Structure formats: structure tokens, C-alpha cells
């Protein structure tokens, strides 16, 4: 399974999540590509959460690598540090704080 590469950005004015990734896109190069339109549900804006999807996936992958038993403790601690930083950044973006 593949997806549009990040970063994704939520544009509140257009109500859409966009990316500059051109994979599989045949349109003009100077426009961002729309990933999806975002509608508020019961007044809740899900745009920031949806725009954080690539970073959230990357954070999950980083955390899964930390749990790999085939690396030594020093490497595991380094991977854990990277994973935590990615998780915190992804959460901040999903919450609209970034």
C-alpha cells in the first residue's frame, strides 16, 4: 500500500489537506495536490489530525523499530529517543499546535 508522501498541510481556507508530493499526479507543478477535503463534524475540525497522518505513521514505524530485539541496548535507546521525538511532533501537529 502506498500513500502521498508528507508533509501534508491543512488549509483552513479551502477546507482541504494538501501535499507538494507529485507522485502519480499529472497536473501543474506549481500547485499543491489535494489529498482530501475536510468537513467539520459537529463543529470539530479534523484537518490538523488528518494532515498529521504521514508523521503519525512515521512515528509508529520508528516505535516498531525500537521494539526490534535484533539490536543492542545502545541502539535501542537511540531508536527510542528518535521515536519519542517523532511521536511528540506528530501529536503536536495533530492537535494543531504546529
C-alpha atoms as a PDB file:
ATOM      1  CA  UNK A   1       0.000   0.000   0.000  1.00  0.00           C
ATOM      2  CA  UNK A   2       1.293   3.448  -0.819  1.00  0.00           C
ATOM      3  CA  UNK A   3       0.172   6.939   0.006  1.00  0.00           C
ATOM      4  CA  UNK A   4       1.068  10.503  -0.868  1.00  0.00           C
ATOM      5  CA  UNK A   5       4.278  11.396   0.854  1.00  0.00           C
ATOM      6  CA  UNK A   6       4.295  14.078   3.521  1.00  0.00           C
ATOM      7  CA  UNK A   7       4.409  16.579   4.696  1.00  0.00           C
ATOM      8  CA  UNK A   8       0.711  17.214   4.415  1.00  0.00           C
ATOM      9  CA  UNK A   9      -0.660  20.633   5.296  1.00  0.00           C
ATOM     10  CA  UNK A  10      -4.188  21.588   6.283  1.00  0.00           C
ATOM     11  CA  UNK A  11      -5.517  24.755   4.672  1.00  0.00           C
ATOM     12  CA  UNK A  12      -8.444  26.025   6.727  1.00  0.00           C
ATOM     13  CA  UNK A  13      -9.478  28.471   3.984  1.00  0.00           C
ATOM     14  CA  UNK A  14     -10.025  25.765   1.367  1.00  0.00           C
ATOM     15  CA  UNK A  15     -11.004  23.090   3.902  1.00  0.00           C
ATOM     16  CA  UNK A  16      -8.565  20.610   2.381  1.00  0.00           C
ATOM     17  CA  UNK A  17      -5.360  18.788   3.193  1.00  0.00           C
ATOM     18  CA  UNK A  18      -2.638  19.332   0.582  1.00  0.00           C
ATOM     19  CA  UNK A  19       0.790  17.955  -0.244  1.00  0.00           C
ATOM     20  CA  UNK A  20       3.523  19.001  -2.632  1.00  0.00           C
ATOM     21  CA  UNK A  21       4.237  15.339  -3.428  1.00  0.00           C
ATOM     22  CA  UNK A  22       3.761  14.847  -7.162  1.00  0.00           C
ATOM     23  CA  UNK A  23       3.782  11.024  -7.182  1.00  0.00           C
ATOM     24  CA  UNK A  24       1.189   9.923  -9.720  1.00  0.00           C
ATOM     25  CA  UNK A  25      -0.044  13.494 -10.271  1.00  0.00           C
ATOM     26  CA  UNK A  26      -0.179  14.873 -13.805  1.00  0.00           C
ATOM     27  CA  UNK A  27      -1.299  18.436 -13.080  1.00  0.00           C
ATOM     28  CA  UNK A  28       0.663  21.686 -12.974  1.00  0.00           C
ATOM     29  CA  UNK A  29       3.825  21.538 -10.860  1.00  0.00           C
ATOM     30  CA  UNK A  30       3.271  24.842  -9.081  1.00  0.00           C
ATOM     31  CA  UNK A  31       0.051  23.921  -7.283  1.00  0.00           C
ATOM     32  CA  UNK A  32      -0.238  21.790  -4.160  1.00  0.00           C
ATOM     33  CA  UNK A  33      -2.030  18.496  -4.656  1.00  0.00           C
ATOM     34  CA  UNK A  34      -5.220  17.960  -2.651  1.00  0.00           C
ATOM     35  CA  UNK A  35      -5.041  14.841  -0.506  1.00  0.00           C
ATOM     36  CA  UNK A  36      -8.587  15.135   0.794  1.00  0.00           C
ATOM     37  CA  UNK A  37     -11.356  17.593   1.568  1.00  0.00           C
ATOM     38  CA  UNK A  38     -12.150  18.028   5.236  1.00  0.00           C
ATOM     39  CA  UNK A  39     -15.614  18.702   6.609  1.00  0.00           C
ATOM     40  CA  UNK A  40     -16.190  19.616  10.234  1.00  0.00           C
ATOM     41  CA  UNK A  41     -18.227  17.059  12.127  1.00  0.00           C
ATOM     42  CA  UNK A  42     -20.380  18.586  14.857  1.00  0.00           C
ATOM     43  CA  UNK A  43     -18.139  21.656  14.749  1.00  0.00           C
ATOM     44  CA  UNK A  44     -14.944  19.630  15.228  1.00  0.00           C
ATOM     45  CA  UNK A  45     -12.186  20.445  12.750  1.00  0.00           C
ATOM     46  CA  UNK A  46     -10.322  17.268  11.808  1.00  0.00           C
ATOM     47  CA  UNK A  47      -7.944  18.978   9.357  1.00  0.00           C
ATOM     48  CA  UNK A  48      -4.900  19.095  11.647  1.00  0.00           C
ATOM     49  CA  UNK A  49      -5.348  15.440  12.620  1.00  0.00           C
ATOM     50  CA  UNK A  50      -5.658  14.301   9.007  1.00  0.00           C
ATOM     51  CA  UNK A  51      -2.688  16.413   7.915  1.00  0.00           C
ATOM     52  CA  UNK A  52      -0.542  14.685  10.559  1.00  0.00           C
ATOM     53  CA  UNK A  53      -1.183  11.197   9.120  1.00  0.00           C
ATOM     54  CA  UNK A  54       2.252  10.774   7.446  1.00  0.00           C
ATOM     55  CA  UNK A  55       4.058  11.903  10.606  1.00  0.00           C
ATOM     56  CA  UNK A  56       1.905   9.639  12.787  1.00  0.00           C
ATOM     57  CA  UNK A  57       2.719   6.676  10.528  1.00  0.00           C
ATOM     58  CA  UNK A  58       6.420   7.544  10.630  1.00  0.00           C
ATOM     59  CA  UNK A  59       6.288   7.719  14.435  1.00  0.00           C
ATOM     60  CA  UNK A  60       4.606   4.306  14.613  1.00  0.00           C
ATOM     61  CA  UNK A  61       7.253   2.816  12.325  1.00  0.00           C
ATOM     62  CA  UNK A  62      10.008   4.355  14.460  1.00  0.00           C
ATOM     63  CA  UNK A  63       8.481   2.892  17.603  1.00  0.00           C
ATOM     64  CA  UNK A  64       8.132  -0.534  15.991  1.00  0.00           C
ATOM     65  CA  UNK A  65      11.846  -0.474  15.126  1.00  0.00           C
ATOM     66  CA  UNK A  66      12.633   0.283  18.753  1.00  0.00           C
ATOM     67  CA  UNK A  67      10.994  -2.965  19.751  1.00  0.00           C
ATOM     68  CA  UNK A  68      13.164  -4.982  17.373  1.00  0.00           C
ATOM     69  CA  UNK A  69      15.068  -7.460  19.522  1.00  0.00           C
ATOM     70  CA  UNK A  70      17.893  -7.752  16.999  1.00  0.00           C
ATOM     71  CA  UNK A  71      19.680  -4.552  18.096  1.00  0.00           C
ATOM     72  CA  UNK A  72      21.871  -3.843  21.115  1.00  0.00           C
ATOM     73  CA  UNK A  73      20.762  -1.750  24.080  1.00  0.00           C
ATOM     74  CA  UNK A  74      22.636   1.398  22.991  1.00  0.00           C
ATOM     75  CA  UNK A  75      20.990   1.313  19.570  1.00  0.00           C
ATOM     76  CA  UNK A  76      17.589   0.598  21.121  1.00  0.00           C
ATOM     77  CA  UNK A  77      17.913   3.650  23.379  1.00  0.00           C
ATOM     78  CA  UNK A  78      18.866   5.823  20.398  1.00  0.00           C
ATOM     79  CA  UNK A  79      15.905   4.482  18.399  1.00  0.00           C
ATOM     80  CA  UNK A  80      13.624   5.090  21.376  1.00  0.00           C
ATOM     81  CA  UNK A  81      14.786   8.721  21.606  1.00  0.00           C
ATOM     82  CA  UNK A  82      14.109   9.264  17.898  1.00  0.00           C
ATOM     83  CA  UNK A  83      10.711   7.574  18.143  1.00  0.00           C
ATOM     84  CA  UNK A  84       9.629   9.705  21.121  1.00  0.00           C
ATOM     85  CA  UNK A  85      10.641  12.921  19.320  1.00  0.00           C
ATOM     86  CA  UNK A  86       8.659  11.876  16.225  1.00  0.00           C
ATOM     87  CA  UNK A  87       5.658  10.921  18.352  1.00  0.00           C
ATOM     88  CA  UNK A  88       5.652  14.262  20.180  1.00  0.00           C
ATOM     89  CA  UNK A  89       5.984  16.245  16.932  1.00  0.00           C
ATOM     90  CA  UNK A  90       3.196  14.233  15.274  1.00  0.00           C
ATOM     91  CA  UNK A  91       0.891  14.720  18.267  1.00  0.00           C
ATOM     92  CA  UNK A  92       1.558  18.472  18.272  1.00  0.00           C
ATOM     93  CA  UNK A  93       0.708  18.665  14.572  1.00  0.00           C
ATOM     94  CA  UNK A  94      -2.425  16.543  15.003  1.00  0.00           C
ATOM     95  CA  UNK A  95      -3.567  18.852  17.796  1.00  0.00           C
ATOM     96  CA  UNK A  96      -2.979  21.930  15.620  1.00  0.00           C
ATOM     97  CA  UNK A  97      -0.109  23.215  17.776  1.00  0.00           C
ATOM     98  CA  UNK A  98       2.459  23.151  14.987  1.00  0.00           C
END
